[in-house]
Amino acid sequence: MKSTTRGTLAAVLACMASAVGAAPAVAGTSVPVTLPLESLETVVPIEAPSLATGVPVPVPGALEGPRHAPGRLLPERILPQVPFTAELPRTVAALPLEHPLREGRLGVATLASAAEDLLVTTPGATLGAPVSAPRPELLGQPEPVLPQAALLTPQLTGAPGAALLFG
């Protein structure tokens, strides 16, 4: 093996190793986010609320491909719908409440929502051919017909909920 070939091979292997080491690992289906709201205390003379939530990371699922139907020249769902699953993360917002008439704190109002699984599908389309299937009465020739087109609506499925606690 020539030295240039060995050097090229070593460079390729080094690039592959660094790419594998730099690739982020997705542990869940949401990325946690805590919003720093402490700077509000310098502008507004109250204790800053806290907000912890997350950003959902959609994970694509297996799409359902076109299906051939009897009597149709083109398959149904020519543009298939792609399903995505994600987790709507747990969100907690806590606001300390001061007593309006005297010194002291009333408590903390906390709005909390539990993590919830979501299912999202993208829009799709189906299209009909401008000719019919071969007809025996026309000696096997197709007949011109009006083409048909339909859009499949996107869907969002989930049941998020929240609770307001005071204490």
Protein backbone atom coordinates (compact mmCIF):
# COMPACT_ATOMS: atom_id res chain seq x y z
CA MET A 1 0.00 0.00 0.00
CA LYS A 2 1.43 3.37 -0.99
CA SER A 3 2.02 6.04 1.59
CA THR A 4 -0.50 8.38 -0.08
CA THR A 5 -3.17 5.69 0.08
CA ARG A 6 -2.41 5.02 3.76
CA GLY A 7 -2.55 8.76 4.52
CA THR A 8 -5.86 9.15 2.72
CA LEU A 9 -7.30 6.12 4.50
CA ALA A 10 -6.11 7.46 7.87
CA ALA A 11 -7.66 10.87 7.16
CA VAL A 12 -10.99 9.29 6.21
CA LEU A 13 -11.02 7.13 9.35
CA ALA A 14 -10.12 10.13 11.52
CA CYS A 15 -12.97 12.16 10.00
CA MET A 16 -15.44 9.32 10.56
CA ALA A 17 -14.34 8.90 14.18
CA SER A 18 -14.70 12.61 14.90
CA ALA A 19 -18.12 12.69 13.24
CA VAL A 20 -19.33 9.78 15.38
CA GLY A 21 -17.97 11.42 18.53
CA ALA A 22 -19.57 14.78 17.71
CA ALA A 23 -23.02 13.40 16.86
CA PRO A 24 -25.51 14.31 19.60
CA ALA A 25 -27.48 11.52 21.19
CA VAL A 26 -31.21 12.10 21.55
CA ALA A 27 -32.21 10.74 24.95
CA GLY A 28 -35.90 11.56 24.80
CA THR A 29 -38.50 13.13 22.62
CA SER A 30 -38.20 16.59 24.19
CA VAL A 31 -35.40 18.98 25.05
CA PRO A 32 -35.72 20.59 28.50
CA VAL A 33 -35.70 24.40 28.65
CA THR A 34 -35.57 26.60 31.75
CA LEU A 35 -36.19 30.25 31.04
CA PRO A 36 -34.04 32.65 33.09
CA LEU A 37 -36.48 35.32 34.27
CA GLU A 38 -34.36 36.70 37.13
CA SER A 39 -33.54 39.84 35.14
CA LEU A 40 -37.19 40.91 35.50
CA GLU A 41 -36.50 41.73 39.16
CA THR A 42 -34.40 44.73 38.11
CA VAL A 43 -37.25 46.18 36.03
CA VAL A 44 -40.33 45.22 38.05
CA PRO A 45 -40.15 45.34 41.87
CA ILE A 46 -41.49 41.80 42.37
CA GLU A 47 -39.95 38.39 42.78
CA ALA A 48 -39.40 36.82 39.38
CA PRO A 49 -41.56 33.87 38.34
CA SER A 50 -39.97 30.60 37.29
CA LEU A 51 -40.76 28.76 34.08
CA ALA A 52 -39.50 25.30 33.17
CA THR A 53 -40.72 23.57 30.03
CA GLY A 54 -39.32 21.79 27.01
CA VAL A 55 -39.29 21.74 23.24
CA PRO A 56 -40.80 18.64 21.60
CA VAL A 57 -38.56 16.74 19.20
CA PRO A 58 -40.73 15.08 16.53
CA VAL A 59 -39.69 11.55 15.60
CA PRO A 60 -40.85 10.38 12.16
CA GLY A 61 -42.69 7.09 12.00
CA ALA A 62 -43.19 4.57 9.22
CA LEU A 63 -45.28 6.08 6.47
CA GLU A 64 -48.07 4.25 4.75
CA GLY A 65 -47.22 4.10 1.07
CA PRO A 66 -49.54 4.32 -1.91
CA ARG A 67 -52.18 1.57 -2.17
CA HIS A 68 -53.50 0.19 -5.40
CA ALA A 69 -57.28 -0.02 -5.53
CA PRO A 70 -59.29 -2.03 -8.05
CA GLY A 71 -60.69 0.09 -10.87
CA ARG A 72 -58.12 2.88 -10.44
CA LEU A 73 -55.14 3.49 -12.70
CA LEU A 74 -53.22 5.55 -10.14
CA PRO A 75 -52.70 4.36 -6.58
CA GLU A 76 -54.53 6.00 -3.69
CA ARG A 77 -52.54 8.41 -1.53
CA ILE A 78 -50.08 9.36 -4.23
CA LEU A 79 -48.55 11.75 -1.65
CA PRO A 80 -48.64 9.75 1.60
CA GLN A 81 -49.14 11.22 5.05
CA VAL A 82 -46.07 11.00 7.28
CA PRO A 83 -46.75 10.28 10.97
CA PHE A 84 -44.63 11.95 13.66
CA THR A 85 -44.66 11.22 17.37
CA ALA A 86 -43.52 13.67 20.00
CA GLU A 87 -43.87 14.27 23.69
CA LEU A 88 -45.36 17.52 24.87
CA PRO A 89 -43.04 18.07 27.85
CA ARG A 90 -43.99 18.80 31.44
CA THR A 91 -44.32 22.53 32.01
CA VAL A 92 -44.21 24.26 35.38
CA ALA A 93 -44.74 28.00 35.87
CA ALA A 94 -44.56 29.35 39.41
CA LEU A 95 -45.46 32.95 40.29
CA PRO A 96 -44.88 34.19 43.85
CA LEU A 97 -47.75 36.40 44.99
CA GLU A 98 -47.30 39.31 47.40
CA HIS A 99 -50.10 40.57 49.60
CA PRO A 100 -51.48 43.80 48.04
CA LEU A 101 -52.31 45.61 51.31
CA ARG A 102 -49.65 44.56 53.80
CA GLU A 103 -46.14 43.15 53.99
CA GLY A 104 -45.74 39.46 53.34
CA ARG A 105 -46.38 36.81 50.80
CA LEU A 106 -49.70 35.22 49.99
CA GLY A 107 -48.12 32.15 48.46
CA VAL A 108 -47.10 30.79 45.11
CA ALA A 109 -49.44 30.16 42.20
CA THR A 110 -48.19 27.19 40.22
CA LEU A 111 -49.45 26.18 36.79
CA ALA A 112 -48.34 22.64 35.95
CA SER A 113 -49.01 20.40 32.98
CA ALA A 114 -48.01 16.76 32.74
CA ALA A 115 -46.04 15.29 29.86
CA GLU A 116 -48.31 14.07 27.07
CA ASP A 117 -47.68 12.02 23.94
CA LEU A 118 -48.68 13.63 20.67
CA LEU A 119 -49.28 12.07 17.25
CA VAL A 120 -49.03 14.38 14.24
CA THR A 121 -49.55 13.46 10.59
CA THR A 122 -48.59 15.66 7.67
CA PRO A 123 -51.00 16.53 4.86
CA GLY A 124 -51.28 14.12 1.94
CA ALA A 125 -52.88 13.99 -1.47
CA THR A 126 -54.65 11.57 -3.74
CA LEU A 127 -55.09 11.99 -7.47
CA GLY A 128 -57.31 10.33 -10.05
CA ALA A 129 -56.22 9.62 -13.64
CA PRO A 130 -57.76 11.60 -16.53
CA VAL A 131 -58.77 8.32 -18.20
CA SER A 132 -60.81 5.40 -16.92
CA ALA A 133 -59.73 1.81 -16.69
CA PRO A 134 -59.94 -0.16 -19.96
CA ARG A 135 -63.60 -0.90 -20.77
CA PRO A 136 -64.74 -4.08 -22.45
CA GLU A 137 -67.58 -2.29 -24.28
CA LEU A 138 -64.98 0.02 -25.90
CA LEU A 139 -62.86 -2.96 -26.99
CA GLY A 140 -60.37 -2.44 -24.16
CA GLN A 141 -59.89 1.31 -24.73
CA PRO A 142 -60.04 3.74 -21.80
CA GLU A 143 -62.60 6.52 -21.71
CA PRO A 144 -61.65 10.14 -20.87
CA VAL A 145 -62.97 11.25 -17.47
CA LEU A 146 -62.56 14.33 -15.34
CA PRO A 147 -59.50 13.96 -13.11
CA GLN A 148 -60.15 13.96 -9.39
CA ALA A 149 -57.87 15.41 -6.74
CA ALA A 150 -58.19 15.40 -2.96
CA LEU A 151 -56.13 16.74 -0.11
CA LEU A 152 -55.81 14.69 3.06
CA THR A 153 -55.93 16.90 6.14
CA PRO A 154 -53.17 16.91 8.74
CA GLN A 155 -54.06 15.50 12.14
CA LEU A 156 -52.96 16.29 15.68
CA THR A 157 -53.90 13.78 18.39
CA GLY A 158 -53.21 14.26 22.07
CA ALA A 159 -54.90 15.16 25.34
CA PRO A 160 -52.85 17.82 27.13
CA GLY A 161 -54.10 19.10 30.44
CA ALA A 162 -52.97 21.46 33.19
CA ALA A 163 -53.69 22.24 36.83
CA LEU A 164 -53.46 25.50 38.75
CA LEU A 165 -52.25 25.07 42.34
CA PHE A 166 -52.02 27.70 45.02
CA GLY A 167 -49.95 27.27 48.10
